[in-house]
């Protein structure tokens, strides 16, 4: 009886590990899809966005994911600063925006920090 209970316990643990692995695989696929979709929006809205440093590109993808393509289009001053490659001005614009007061502080600080790192 103990042997059978042990086998059932092992089978349950194995199934949980498999479920967790599948969940992780699905999460990665969803994240890849989201990034690809946001990059496509940026390709359409800001064709030169890939010319920016990697941290700025990541921040832009994050913003498009958070705001949506339409929301990103409303950030005209930030986008104009990016077109000039004035990353400090883009960061300052984000810092005083309504978005900055609405988004989680860790996300806000990370994104603004990515722009500031490129400004140096």
PDB file of N, CA and C in Angstrom:
ATOM      1  N   UNK A   1       0.817  -1.189   0.000  1.00  0.00           N
ATOM      2  CA  UNK A   1       0.000   0.000   0.000  1.00  0.00           C
ATOM      3  C   UNK A   1       0.865   1.258   0.000  1.00  0.00           C
ATOM      4  N   UNK A   2       1.915   1.273   0.847  1.00  0.00           N
ATOM      5  CA  UNK A   2       2.800   2.427   0.887  1.00  0.00           C
ATOM      6  C   UNK A   2       3.474   2.639  -0.461  1.00  0.00           C
ATOM      7  N   UNK A   3       3.841   1.543  -1.101  1.00  0.00           N
ATOM      8  CA  UNK A   3       4.508   1.618  -2.395  1.00  0.00           C
ATOM      9  C   UNK A   3       3.584   2.271  -3.431  1.00  0.00           C
ATOM     10  N   UNK A   4       2.326   1.909  -3.431  1.00  0.00           N
ATOM     11  CA  UNK A   4       1.359   2.485  -4.367  1.00  0.00           C
ATOM     12  C   UNK A   4       1.135   3.973  -4.059  1.00  0.00           C
ATOM     13  N   UNK A   5       1.064   4.319  -2.810  1.00  0.00           N
ATOM     14  CA  UNK A   5       0.885   5.718  -2.413  1.00  0.00           C
ATOM     15  C   UNK A   5       2.089   6.546  -2.857  1.00  0.00           C
ATOM     16  N   UNK A   6       3.288   5.966  -2.729  1.00  0.00           N
ATOM     17  CA  UNK A   6       4.497   6.642  -3.172  1.00  0.00           C
ATOM     18  C   UNK A   6       4.467   6.872  -4.677  1.00  0.00           C
ATOM     19  N   UNK A   7       4.038   5.868  -5.428  1.00  0.00           N
ATOM     20  CA  UNK A   7       3.948   5.996  -6.888  1.00  0.00           C
ATOM     21  C   UNK A   7       2.947   7.080  -7.283  1.00  0.00           C
ATOM     22  N   UNK A   8       1.819   7.112  -6.605  1.00  0.00           N
ATOM     23  CA  UNK A   8       0.801   8.128  -6.891  1.00  0.00           C
ATOM     24  C   UNK A   8       1.358   9.507  -6.575  1.00  0.00           C
ATOM     25  N   UNK A   9       2.060   9.632  -5.456  1.00  0.00           N
ATOM     26  CA  UNK A   9       2.659  10.906  -5.072  1.00  0.00           C
ATOM     27  C   UNK A   9       3.681  11.352  -6.115  1.00  0.00           C
ATOM     28  N   UNK A  10       4.529  10.422  -6.556  1.00  0.00           N
ATOM     29  CA  UNK A  10       5.510  10.746  -7.591  1.00  0.00           C
ATOM     30  C   UNK A  10       4.836  11.156  -8.894  1.00  0.00           C
ATOM     31  N   UNK A  11       3.791  10.455  -9.263  1.00  0.00           N
ATOM     32  CA  UNK A  11       3.065  10.782 -10.489  1.00  0.00           C
ATOM     33  C   UNK A  11       2.454  12.184 -10.397  1.00  0.00           C
ATOM     34  N   UNK A  12       1.906  12.513  -9.247  1.00  0.00           N
ATOM     35  CA  UNK A  12       1.321  13.850  -9.052  1.00  0.00           C
ATOM     36  C   UNK A  12       2.396  14.930  -9.141  1.00  0.00           C
ATOM     37  N   UNK A  13       3.550  14.688  -8.518  1.00  0.00           N
ATOM     38  CA  UNK A  13       4.643  15.661  -8.571  1.00  0.00           C
ATOM     39  C   UNK A  13       5.159  15.831 -10.000  1.00  0.00           C
ATOM     40  N   UNK A  14       5.282  14.706 -10.705  1.00  0.00           N
ATOM     41  CA  UNK A  14       5.731  14.754 -12.097  1.00  0.00           C
ATOM     42  C   UNK A  14       4.746  15.554 -12.950  1.00  0.00           C
ATOM     43  N   UNK A  15       3.459  15.345 -12.726  1.00  0.00           N
ATOM     44  CA  UNK A  15       2.427  16.068 -13.475  1.00  0.00           C
ATOM     45  C   UNK A  15       2.485  17.565 -13.174  1.00  0.00           C
ATOM     46  N   UNK A  16       2.717  17.913 -11.907  1.00  0.00           N
ATOM     47  CA  UNK A  16       2.829  19.336 -11.546  1.00  0.00           C
ATOM     48  C   UNK A  16       4.020  19.977 -12.233  1.00  0.00           C
ATOM     49  N   UNK A  17       5.157  19.262 -12.275  1.00  0.00           N
ATOM     50  CA  UNK A  17       6.338  19.800 -12.963  1.00  0.00           C
ATOM     51  C   UNK A  17       6.057  19.973 -14.442  1.00  0.00           C
ATOM     52  N   UNK A  18       5.374  19.019 -15.031  1.00  0.00           N
ATOM     53  CA  UNK A  18       5.009  19.111 -16.445  1.00  0.00           C
ATOM     54  C   UNK A  18       4.061  20.283 -16.675  1.00  0.00           C
ATOM     55  N   UNK A  19       3.060  20.427 -15.811  1.00  0.00           N
ATOM     56  CA  UNK A  19       2.130  21.557 -15.912  1.00  0.00           C
ATOM     57  C   UNK A  19       2.873  22.881 -15.795  1.00  0.00           C
ATOM     58  N   UNK A  20       3.802  22.965 -14.838  1.00  0.00           N
ATOM     59  CA  UNK A  20       4.575  24.198 -14.665  1.00  0.00           C
ATOM     60  C   UNK A  20       5.428  24.483 -15.897  1.00  0.00           C
ATOM     61  N   UNK A  21       6.040  23.454 -16.454  1.00  0.00           N
ATOM     62  CA  UNK A  21       6.864  23.629 -17.654  1.00  0.00           C
ATOM     63  C   UNK A  21       6.012  24.093 -18.829  1.00  0.00           C
ATOM     64  N   UNK A  22       4.829  23.500 -18.980  1.00  0.00           N
ATOM     65  CA  UNK A  22       3.944  23.924 -20.065  1.00  0.00           C
ATOM     66  C   UNK A  22       3.467  25.356 -19.859  1.00  0.00           C
ATOM     67  N   UNK A  23       3.157  25.708 -18.633  1.00  0.00           N
ATOM     68  CA  UNK A  23       2.745  27.088 -18.335  1.00  0.00           C
ATOM     69  C   UNK A  23       3.854  28.056 -18.706  1.00  0.00           C
ATOM     70  N   UNK A  24       5.083  27.714 -18.348  1.00  0.00           N
ATOM     71  CA  UNK A  24       6.218  28.566 -18.655  1.00  0.00           C
ATOM     72  C   UNK A  24       6.403  28.693 -20.167  1.00  0.00           C
ATOM     73  N   UNK A  25       6.257  27.582 -20.882  1.00  0.00           N
ATOM     74  CA  UNK A  25       6.383  27.603 -22.339  1.00  0.00           C
ATOM     75  C   UNK A  25       5.308  28.480 -22.968  1.00  0.00           C
ATOM     76  N   UNK A  26       4.087  28.387 -22.478  1.00  0.00           N
ATOM     77  CA  UNK A  26       2.989  29.216 -22.986  1.00  0.00           C
ATOM     78  C   UNK A  26       3.256  30.683 -22.667  1.00  0.00           C
ATOM     79  N   UNK A  27       3.744  30.971 -21.463  1.00  0.00           N
ATOM     80  CA  UNK A  27       4.057  32.354 -21.088  1.00  0.00           C
ATOM     81  C   UNK A  27       5.138  32.937 -21.987  1.00  0.00           C
ATOM     82  N   UNK A  28       6.155  32.155 -22.283  1.00  0.00           N
ATOM     83  CA  UNK A  28       7.233  32.624 -23.171  1.00  0.00           C
ATOM     84  C   UNK A  28       6.699  32.883 -24.577  1.00  0.00           C
ATOM     85  N   UNK A  29       5.852  31.997 -25.067  1.00  0.00           N
ATOM     86  CA  UNK A  29       5.271  32.185 -26.399  1.00  0.00           C
ATOM     87  C   UNK A  29       4.407  33.445 -26.436  1.00  0.00           C
ATOM     88  N   UNK A  30       3.636  33.670 -25.387  1.00  0.00           N
ATOM     89  CA  UNK A  30       2.799  34.874 -25.329  1.00  0.00           C
ATOM     90  C   UNK A  30       3.665  36.133 -25.273  1.00  0.00           C
ATOM     91  N   UNK A  31       4.737  36.098 -24.497  1.00  0.00           N
ATOM     92  CA  UNK A  31       5.636  37.253 -24.403  1.00  0.00           C
ATOM     93  C   UNK A  31       6.292  37.531 -25.750  1.00  0.00           C
ATOM     94  N   UNK A  32       6.746  36.477 -26.437  1.00  0.00           N
ATOM     95  CA  UNK A  32       7.334  36.643 -27.768  1.00  0.00           C
ATOM     96  C   UNK A  32       6.336  37.276 -28.726  1.00  0.00           C
ATOM     97  N   UNK A  33       5.103  36.818 -28.662  1.00  0.00           N
ATOM     98  CA  UNK A  33       4.046  37.374 -29.521  1.00  0.00           C
ATOM     99  C   UNK A  33       3.823  38.854 -29.208  1.00  0.00           C
ATOM    100  N   UNK A  34       3.764  39.197 -27.926  1.00  0.00           N
ATOM    101  CA  UNK A  34       3.555  40.596 -27.524  1.00  0.00           C
ATOM    102  C   UNK A  34       4.684  41.486 -28.018  1.00  0.00           C
ATOM    103  N   UNK A  35       5.920  41.040 -27.860  1.00  0.00           N
ATOM    104  CA  UNK A  35       7.071  41.830 -28.305  1.00  0.00           C
ATOM    105  C   UNK A  35       7.027  42.012 -29.819  1.00  0.00           C
ATOM    106  N   UNK A  36       6.741  40.946 -30.546  1.00  0.00           N
ATOM    107  CA  UNK A  36       6.667  41.024 -32.005  1.00  0.00           C
ATOM    108  C   UNK A  36       5.584  42.004 -32.441  1.00  0.00           C
ATOM    109  N   UNK A  37       4.446  41.965 -31.776  1.00  0.00           N
ATOM    110  CA  UNK A  37       3.336  42.869 -32.100  1.00  0.00           C
ATOM    111  C   UNK A  37       3.731  44.319 -31.816  1.00  0.00           C
ATOM    112  N   UNK A  38       4.360  44.576 -30.694  1.00  0.00           N
ATOM    113  CA  UNK A  38       4.780  45.942 -30.341  1.00  0.00           C
ATOM    114  C   UNK A  38       5.854  46.445 -31.302  1.00  0.00           C
ATOM    115  N   UNK A  39       6.784  45.580 -31.680  1.00  0.00           N
ATOM    116  CA  UNK A  39       7.808  45.969 -32.656  1.00  0.00           C
ATOM    117  C   UNK A  39       7.175  46.319 -34.000  1.00  0.00           C
ATOM    118  N   UNK A  40       6.150  45.582 -34.398  1.00  0.00           N
ATOM    119  CA  UNK A  40       5.455  45.887 -35.659  1.00  0.00           C
ATOM    120  C   UNK A  40       4.770  47.247 -35.587  1.00  0.00           C
ATOM    121  N   UNK A  41       4.165  47.559 -34.445  1.00  0.00           N
ATOM    122  CA  UNK A  41       3.556  48.888 -34.261  1.00  0.00           C
ATOM    123  C   UNK A  41       4.623  49.972 -34.379  1.00  0.00           C
ATOM    124  N   UNK A  42       5.762  49.762 -33.734  1.00  0.00           N
ATOM    125  CA  UNK A  42       6.828  50.753 -33.799  1.00  0.00           C
ATOM    126  C   UNK A  42       7.391  50.885 -35.210  1.00  0.00           C
ATOM    127  N   UNK A  43       7.506  49.771 -35.926  1.00  0.00           N
ATOM    128  CA  UNK A  43       7.971  49.833 -37.318  1.00  0.00           C
ATOM    129  C   UNK A  43       7.051  50.731 -38.145  1.00  0.00           C
ATOM    130  N   UNK A  44       5.762  50.651 -37.871  1.00  0.00           N
ATOM    131  CA  UNK A  44       4.776  51.435 -38.614  1.00  0.00           C
ATOM    132  C   UNK A  44       4.769  52.893 -38.165  1.00  0.00           C
ATOM    133  N   UNK A  45       4.850  53.126 -36.845  1.00  0.00           N
ATOM    134  CA  UNK A  45       4.713  54.482 -36.309  1.00  0.00           C
ATOM    135  C   UNK A  45       6.016  55.271 -36.303  1.00  0.00           C
ATOM    136  N   UNK A  46       7.102  54.624 -36.009  1.00  0.00           N
ATOM    137  CA  UNK A  46       8.419  55.262 -35.891  1.00  0.00           C
ATOM    138  C   UNK A  46       9.450  54.402 -36.623  1.00  0.00           C
ATOM    139  N   UNK A  47       9.493  54.497 -37.958  1.00  0.00           N
ATOM    140  CA  UNK A  47      10.331  53.578 -38.741  1.00  0.00           C
ATOM    141  C   UNK A  47      11.814  53.547 -38.347  1.00  0.00           C
ATOM    142  N   UNK A  48      12.322  54.605 -37.755  1.00  0.00           N
ATOM    143  CA  UNK A  48      13.745  54.642 -37.386  1.00  0.00           C
ATOM    144  C   UNK A  48      14.006  54.219 -35.945  1.00  0.00           C
ATOM    145  N   UNK A  49      13.024  53.646 -35.289  1.00  0.00           N
ATOM    146  CA  UNK A  49      13.170  53.333 -33.864  1.00  0.00           C
ATOM    147  C   UNK A  49      14.297  52.344 -33.598  1.00  0.00           C
ATOM    148  N   UNK A  50      14.622  51.514 -34.558  1.00  0.00           N
ATOM    149  CA  UNK A  50      15.677  50.508 -34.356  1.00  0.00           C
ATOM    150  C   UNK A  50      17.082  51.119 -34.390  1.00  0.00           C
ATOM    151  N   UNK A  51      17.178  52.394 -34.739  1.00  0.00           N
ATOM    152  CA  UNK A  51      18.476  53.076 -34.754  1.00  0.00           C
ATOM    153  C   UNK A  51      18.892  53.561 -33.361  1.00  0.00           C
ATOM    154  N   UNK A  52      17.969  53.518 -32.416  1.00  0.00           N
ATOM    155  CA  UNK A  52      18.268  53.957 -31.048  1.00  0.00           C
ATOM    156  C   UNK A  52      19.060  52.868 -30.320  1.00  0.00           C
ATOM    157  N   UNK A  53      19.755  53.241 -29.253  1.00  0.00           N
ATOM    158  CA  UNK A  53      20.471  52.231 -28.448  1.00  0.00           C
ATOM    159  C   UNK A  53      19.493  51.185 -27.901  1.00  0.00           C
ATOM    160  N   UNK A  54      20.012  50.004 -27.626  1.00  0.00           N
ATOM    161  CA  UNK A  54      19.179  48.898 -27.149  1.00  0.00           C
ATOM    162  C   UNK A  54      18.293  49.248 -25.949  1.00  0.00           C
ATOM    163  N   UNK A  55      18.823  49.939 -24.928  1.00  0.00           N
ATOM    164  CA  UNK A  55      17.941  50.256 -23.793  1.00  0.00           C
ATOM    165  C   UNK A  55      16.748  51.121 -24.203  1.00  0.00           C
ATOM    166  N   UNK A  56      16.953  52.025 -25.135  1.00  0.00           N
ATOM    167  CA  UNK A  56      15.861  52.884 -25.608  1.00  0.00           C
ATOM    168  C   UNK A  56      14.859  52.049 -26.398  1.00  0.00           C
ATOM    169  N   UNK A  57      15.342  51.143 -27.218  1.00  0.00           N
ATOM    170  CA  UNK A  57      14.437  50.261 -27.967  1.00  0.00           C
ATOM    171  C   UNK A  57      13.573  49.441 -27.015  1.00  0.00           C
ATOM    172  N   UNK A  58      14.209  48.890 -25.969  1.00  0.00           N
ATOM    173  CA  UNK A  58      13.449  48.095 -24.997  1.00  0.00           C
ATOM    174  C   UNK A  58      12.403  48.955 -24.296  1.00  0.00           C
ATOM    175  N   UNK A  59      12.796  50.184 -23.945  1.00  0.00           N
ATOM    176  CA  UNK A  59      11.848  51.091 -23.291  1.00  0.00           C
ATOM    177  C   UNK A  59      10.683  51.421 -24.227  1.00  0.00           C
ATOM    178  N   UNK A  60      10.961  51.622 -25.493  1.00  0.00           N
ATOM    179  CA  UNK A  60       9.899  51.943 -26.452  1.00  0.00           C
ATOM    180  C   UNK A  60       8.935  50.772 -26.615  1.00  0.00           C
ATOM    181  N   UNK A  61       9.466  49.565 -26.694  1.00  0.00           N
ATOM    182  CA  UNK A  61       8.605  48.374 -26.785  1.00  0.00           C
ATOM    183  C   UNK A  61       7.749  48.266 -25.525  1.00  0.00           C
ATOM    184  N   UNK A  62       8.352  48.507 -24.381  1.00  0.00           N
ATOM    185  CA  UNK A  62       7.630  48.452 -23.113  1.00  0.00           C
ATOM    186  C   UNK A  62       6.508  49.489 -23.096  1.00  0.00           C
ATOM    187  N   UNK A  63       6.789  50.693 -23.568  1.00  0.00           N
ATOM    188  CA  UNK A  63       5.771  51.743 -23.601  1.00  0.00           C
ATOM    189  C   UNK A  63       4.626  51.384 -24.539  1.00  0.00           C
ATOM    190  N   UNK A  64       4.948  50.864 -25.712  1.00  0.00           N
ATOM    191  CA  UNK A  64       3.893  50.476 -26.654  1.00  0.00           C
ATOM    192  C   UNK A  64       3.064  49.339 -26.076  1.00  0.00           C
ATOM    193  N   UNK A  65       3.707  48.407 -25.385  1.00  0.00           N
ATOM    194  CA  UNK A  65       2.964  47.328 -24.737  1.00  0.00           C
ATOM    195  C   UNK A  65       2.022  47.899 -23.682  1.00  0.00           C
ATOM    196  N   UNK A  66       2.515  48.842 -22.896  1.00  0.00           N
ATOM    197  CA  UNK A  66       1.746  49.423 -21.790  1.00  0.00           C
ATOM    198  C   UNK A  66       0.652  50.364 -22.280  1.00  0.00           C
ATOM    199  N   UNK A  67       0.963  51.179 -23.272  1.00  0.00           N
ATOM    200  CA  UNK A  67       0.040  52.221 -23.732  1.00  0.00           C
ATOM    201  C   UNK A  67      -0.821  51.798 -24.917  1.00  0.00           C
ATOM    202  N   UNK A  68      -0.330  50.837 -25.684  1.00  0.00           N
ATOM    203  CA  UNK A  68      -0.951  50.519 -26.959  1.00  0.00           C
ATOM    204  C   UNK A  68      -0.419  51.475 -28.019  1.00  0.00           C
ATOM    205  N   UNK A  69      -0.632  51.129 -29.277  1.00  0.00           N
ATOM    206  CA  UNK A  69      -0.125  51.959 -30.377  1.00  0.00           C
ATOM    207  C   UNK A  69      -0.753  53.347 -30.346  1.00  0.00           C
ATOM    208  N   UNK A  70      -2.045  53.417 -30.102  1.00  0.00           N
ATOM    209  CA  UNK A  70      -2.721  54.723 -30.067  1.00  0.00           C
ATOM    210  C   UNK A  70      -2.214  55.579 -28.919  1.00  0.00           C
ATOM    211  N   UNK A  71      -2.024  54.967 -27.768  1.00  0.00           N
ATOM    212  CA  UNK A  71      -1.501  55.707 -26.622  1.00  0.00           C
ATOM    213  C   UNK A  71      -0.110  56.246 -26.894  1.00  0.00           C
ATOM    214  N   UNK A  72       0.734  55.425 -27.528  1.00  0.00           N
ATOM    215  CA  UNK A  72       2.091  55.853 -27.869  1.00  0.00           C
ATOM    216  C   UNK A  72       2.056  57.044 -28.823  1.00  0.00           C
ATOM    217  N   UNK A  73       1.108  57.051 -29.744  1.00  0.00           N
ATOM    218  CA  UNK A  73       0.997  58.155 -30.695  1.00  0.00           C
ATOM    219  C   UNK A  73       0.699  59.482 -29.998  1.00  0.00           C
ATOM    220  N   UNK A  74       0.059  59.444 -28.854  1.00  0.00           N
ATOM    221  CA  UNK A  74      -0.281  60.672 -28.118  1.00  0.00           C
ATOM    222  C   UNK A  74       0.929  61.304 -27.429  1.00  0.00           C
ATOM    223  N   UNK A  75       2.023  60.590 -27.327  1.00  0.00           N
ATOM    224  CA  UNK A  75       3.231  61.113 -26.685  1.00  0.00           C
ATOM    225  C   UNK A  75       4.067  61.864 -27.722  1.00  0.00           C
ATOM    226  N   UNK A  76       3.494  62.901 -28.282  1.00  0.00           N
ATOM    227  CA  UNK A  76       4.136  63.618 -29.396  1.00  0.00           C
ATOM    228  C   UNK A  76       5.456  64.266 -28.984  1.00  0.00           C
ATOM    229  N   UNK A  77       5.516  64.866 -27.800  1.00  0.00           N
ATOM    230  CA  UNK A  77       6.762  65.510 -27.367  1.00  0.00           C
ATOM    231  C   UNK A  77       7.866  64.483 -27.119  1.00  0.00           C
ATOM    232  N   UNK A  78       7.503  63.373 -26.491  1.00  0.00           N
ATOM    233  CA  UNK A  78       8.486  62.315 -26.239  1.00  0.00           C
ATOM    234  C   UNK A  78       8.977  61.735 -27.558  1.00  0.00           C
ATOM    235  N   UNK A  79       8.060  61.492 -28.466  1.00  0.00           N
ATOM    236  CA  UNK A  79       8.448  60.936 -29.769  1.00  0.00           C
ATOM    237  C   UNK A  79       9.303  61.927 -30.558  1.00  0.00           C
ATOM    238  N   UNK A  80       8.993  63.231 -30.444  1.00  0.00           N
ATOM    239  CA  UNK A  80       9.810  64.249 -31.123  1.00  0.00           C
ATOM    240  C   UNK A  80      11.215  64.281 -30.526  1.00  0.00           C
ATOM    241  N   UNK A  81      11.312  64.179 -29.194  1.00  0.00           N
ATOM    242  CA  UNK A  81      12.625  64.145 -28.545  1.00  0.00           C
ATOM    243  C   UNK A  81      13.409  62.915 -29.005  1.00  0.00           C
ATOM    244  N   UNK A  82      12.734  61.796 -29.135  1.00  0.00           N
ATOM    245  CA  UNK A  82      13.408  60.586 -29.608  1.00  0.00           C
ATOM    246  C   UNK A  82      13.876  60.750 -31.052  1.00  0.00           C
ATOM    247  N   UNK A  83      13.079  61.406 -31.869  1.00  0.00           N
ATOM    248  CA  UNK A  83      13.472  61.630 -33.262  1.00  0.00           C
ATOM    249  C   UNK A  83      14.754  62.466 -33.323  1.00  0.00           C
ATOM    250  N   UNK A  84      14.928  63.364 -32.353  1.00  0.00           N
ATOM    251  CA  UNK A  84      16.152  64.183 -32.263  1.00  0.00           C
ATOM    252  C   UNK A  84      17.273  63.451 -31.527  1.00  0.00           C
ATOM    253  N   UNK A  85      16.952  62.284 -31.008  1.00  0.00           N
ATOM    254  CA  UNK A  85      17.868  61.493 -30.170  1.00  0.00           C
ATOM    255  C   UNK A  85      18.250  62.251 -28.903  1.00  0.00           C
ATOM    256  N   UNK A  86      17.305  63.022 -28.423  1.00  0.00           N
ATOM    257  CA  UNK A  86      17.460  63.758 -27.169  1.00  0.00           C
ATOM    258  C   UNK A  86      16.801  62.923 -26.073  1.00  0.00           C
ATOM    259  N   UNK A  87      17.539  61.946 -25.581  1.00  0.00           N
ATOM    260  CA  UNK A  87      16.987  60.967 -24.650  1.00  0.00           C
ATOM    261  C   UNK A  87      16.676  61.576 -23.289  1.00  0.00           C
ATOM    262  N   UNK A  88      17.443  62.580 -22.881  1.00  0.00           N
ATOM    263  CA  UNK A  88      17.161  63.247 -21.605  1.00  0.00           C
ATOM    264  C   UNK A  88      15.818  63.966 -21.673  1.00  0.00           C
ATOM    265  N   UNK A  89      15.547  64.642 -22.790  1.00  0.00           N
ATOM    266  CA  UNK A  89      14.260  65.330 -22.950  1.00  0.00           C
ATOM    267  C   UNK A  89      13.117  64.321 -22.998  1.00  0.00           C
ATOM    268  N   UNK A  90      13.344  63.190 -23.638  1.00  0.00           N
ATOM    269  CA  UNK A  90      12.310  62.140 -23.686  1.00  0.00           C
ATOM    270  C   UNK A  90      12.021  61.637 -22.273  1.00  0.00           C
ATOM    271  N   UNK A  91      13.063  61.435 -21.482  1.00  0.00           N
ATOM    272  CA  UNK A  91      12.890  60.972 -20.103  1.00  0.00           C
ATOM    273  C   UNK A  91      12.158  62.017 -19.264  1.00  0.00           C
ATOM    274  N   UNK A  92      12.539  63.288 -19.419  1.00  0.00           N
ATOM    275  CA  UNK A  92      11.869  64.356 -18.666  1.00  0.00           C
ATOM    276  C   UNK A  92      10.383  64.435 -19.047  1.00  0.00           C
ATOM    277  N   UNK A  93      10.100  64.295 -20.332  1.00  0.00           N
ATOM    278  CA  UNK A  93       8.712  64.332 -20.782  1.00  0.00           C
ATOM    279  C   UNK A  93       7.890  63.206 -20.177  1.00  0.00           C
ATOM    280  N   UNK A  94       8.470  62.027 -20.128  1.00  0.00           N
ATOM    281  CA  UNK A  94       7.764  60.896 -19.514  1.00  0.00           C
ATOM    282  C   UNK A  94       7.560  61.128 -18.023  1.00  0.00           C
ATOM    283  N   UNK A  95       8.583  61.685 -17.373  1.00  0.00           N
ATOM    284  CA  UNK A  95       8.524  61.873 -15.917  1.00  0.00           C
ATOM    285  C   UNK A  95       7.397  62.814 -15.493  1.00  0.00           C
ATOM    286  N   UNK A  96       7.055  63.774 -16.330  1.00  0.00           N
ATOM    287  CA  UNK A  96       6.009  64.736 -15.957  1.00  0.00           C
ATOM    288  C   UNK A  96       4.664  64.413 -16.606  1.00  0.00           C
ATOM    289  N   UNK A  97       4.588  63.305 -17.297  1.00  0.00           N
ATOM    290  CA  UNK A  97       3.348  62.947 -17.990  1.00  0.00           C
ATOM    291  C   UNK A  97       2.326  62.333 -17.031  1.00  0.00           C
ATOM    292  N   UNK A  98       1.099  62.302 -17.480  1.00  0.00           N
ATOM    293  CA  UNK A  98       0.033  61.651 -16.708  1.00  0.00           C
ATOM    294  C   UNK A  98       0.353  60.163 -16.531  1.00  0.00           C
ATOM    295  N   UNK A  99       0.952  59.577 -17.553  1.00  0.00           N
ATOM    296  CA  UNK A  99       1.341  58.168 -17.510  1.00  0.00           C
ATOM    297  C   UNK A  99       2.195  57.875 -16.274  1.00  0.00           C
ATOM    298  N   UNK A 100       3.138  58.801 -15.961  1.00  0.00           N
ATOM    299  CA  UNK A 100       4.067  58.582 -14.857  1.00  0.00           C
ATOM    300  C   UNK A 100       3.350  58.453 -13.520  1.00  0.00           C
ATOM    301  N   UNK A 101       2.218  59.119 -13.394  1.00  0.00           N
ATOM    302  CA  UNK A 101       1.480  59.034 -12.129  1.00  0.00           C
ATOM    303  C   UNK A 101       0.536  57.836 -12.091  1.00  0.00           C
ATOM    304  N   UNK A 102       0.310  57.219 -13.244  1.00  0.00           N
ATOM    305  CA  UNK A 102      -0.640  56.107 -13.323  1.00  0.00           C
ATOM    306  C   UNK A 102       0.022  54.736 -13.317  1.00  0.00           C
ATOM    307  N   UNK A 103       1.227  54.665 -13.827  1.00  0.00           N
ATOM    308  CA  UNK A 103       1.902  53.376 -13.972  1.00  0.00           C
ATOM    309  C   UNK A 103       2.629  53.036 -12.672  1.00  0.00           C
ATOM    310  N   UNK A 104       2.874  51.756 -12.474  1.00  0.00           N
ATOM    311  CA  UNK A 104       3.610  51.311 -11.288  1.00  0.00           C
ATOM    312  C   UNK A 104       4.984  51.986 -11.254  1.00  0.00           C
ATOM    313  N   UNK A 105       5.376  52.454 -10.090  1.00  0.00           N
ATOM    314  CA  UNK A 105       6.609  53.238  -9.967  1.00  0.00           C
ATOM    315  C   UNK A 105       7.845  52.467 -10.440  1.00  0.00           C
ATOM    316  N   UNK A 106       7.900  51.171 -10.211  1.00  0.00           N
ATOM    317  CA  UNK A 106       9.081  50.399 -10.642  1.00  0.00           C
ATOM    318  C   UNK A 106       9.180  50.380 -12.169  1.00  0.00           C
ATOM    319  N   UNK A 107       8.044  50.257 -12.847  1.00  0.00           N
ATOM    320  CA  UNK A 107       8.053  50.272 -14.312  1.00  0.00           C
ATOM    321  C   UNK A 107       8.436  51.662 -14.810  1.00  0.00           C
ATOM    322  N   UNK A 108       7.841  52.697 -14.221  1.00  0.00           N
ATOM    323  CA  UNK A 108       8.131  54.084 -14.609  1.00  0.00           C
ATOM    324  C   UNK A 108       9.626  54.367 -14.454  1.00  0.00           C
ATOM    325  N   UNK A 109      10.173  54.038 -13.302  1.00  0.00           N
ATOM    326  CA  UNK A 109      11.580  54.321 -13.030  1.00  0.00           C
ATOM    327  C   UNK A 109      12.504  53.543 -13.959  1.00  0.00           C
ATOM    328  N   UNK A 110      12.154  52.302 -14.255  1.00  0.00           N
ATOM    329  CA  UNK A 110      12.978  51.487 -15.155  1.00  0.00           C
ATOM    330  C   UNK A 110      13.002  52.081 -16.558  1.00  0.00           C
ATOM    331  N   UNK A 111      11.831  52.467 -17.067  1.00  0.00           N
ATOM    332  CA  UNK A 111      11.748  52.999 -18.427  1.00  0.00           C
ATOM    333  C   UNK A 111      12.466  54.354 -18.527  1.00  0.00           C
ATOM    334  N   UNK A 112      12.180  55.232 -17.577  1.00  0.00           N
ATOM    335  CA  UNK A 112      12.843  56.536 -17.585  1.00  0.00           C
ATOM    336  C   UNK A 112      14.357  56.346 -17.439  1.00  0.00           C
ATOM    337  N   UNK A 113      14.771  55.406 -16.603  1.00  0.00           N
ATOM    338  CA  UNK A 113      16.195  55.101 -16.433  1.00  0.00           C
ATOM    339  C   UNK A 113      16.852  54.618 -17.715  1.00  0.00           C
ATOM    340  N   UNK A 114      16.114  53.862 -18.512  1.00  0.00           N
ATOM    341  CA  UNK A 114      16.664  53.388 -19.789  1.00  0.00           C
ATOM    342  C   UNK A 114      16.922  54.566 -20.738  1.00  0.00           C
ATOM    343  N   UNK A 115      16.027  55.543 -20.754  1.00  0.00           N
ATOM    344  CA  UNK A 115      16.248  56.729 -21.570  1.00  0.00           C
ATOM    345  C   UNK A 115      17.437  57.541 -21.031  1.00  0.00           C
ATOM    346  N   UNK A 116      17.489  57.701 -19.711  1.00  0.00           N
ATOM    347  CA  UNK A 116      18.576  58.487 -19.107  1.00  0.00           C
ATOM    348  C   UNK A 116      19.931  57.818 -19.328  1.00  0.00           C
ATOM    349  N   UNK A 117      19.969  56.502 -19.282  1.00  0.00           N
ATOM    350  CA  UNK A 117      21.249  55.789 -19.516  1.00  0.00           C
ATOM    351  C   UNK A 117      21.771  56.067 -20.920  1.00  0.00           C
ATOM    352  N   UNK A 118      20.859  56.199 -21.875  1.00  0.00           N
ATOM    353  CA  UNK A 118      21.265  56.477 -23.252  1.00  0.00           C
ATOM    354  C   UNK A 118      21.676  57.940 -23.425  1.00  0.00           C
ATOM    355  N   UNK A 119      21.229  58.795 -22.524  1.00  0.00           N
ATOM    356  CA  UNK A 119      21.528  60.230 -22.619  1.00  0.00           C
ATOM    357  C   UNK A 119      22.970  60.532 -22.223  1.00  0.00           C
ATOM    358  N   UNK A 120      23.607  59.619 -21.540  1.00  0.00           N
ATOM    359  CA  UNK A 120      24.970  59.877 -21.025  1.00  0.00           C
ATOM    360  C   UNK A 120      26.008  59.694 -22.093  1.00  0.00           C
TER     361      UNK A 120
END
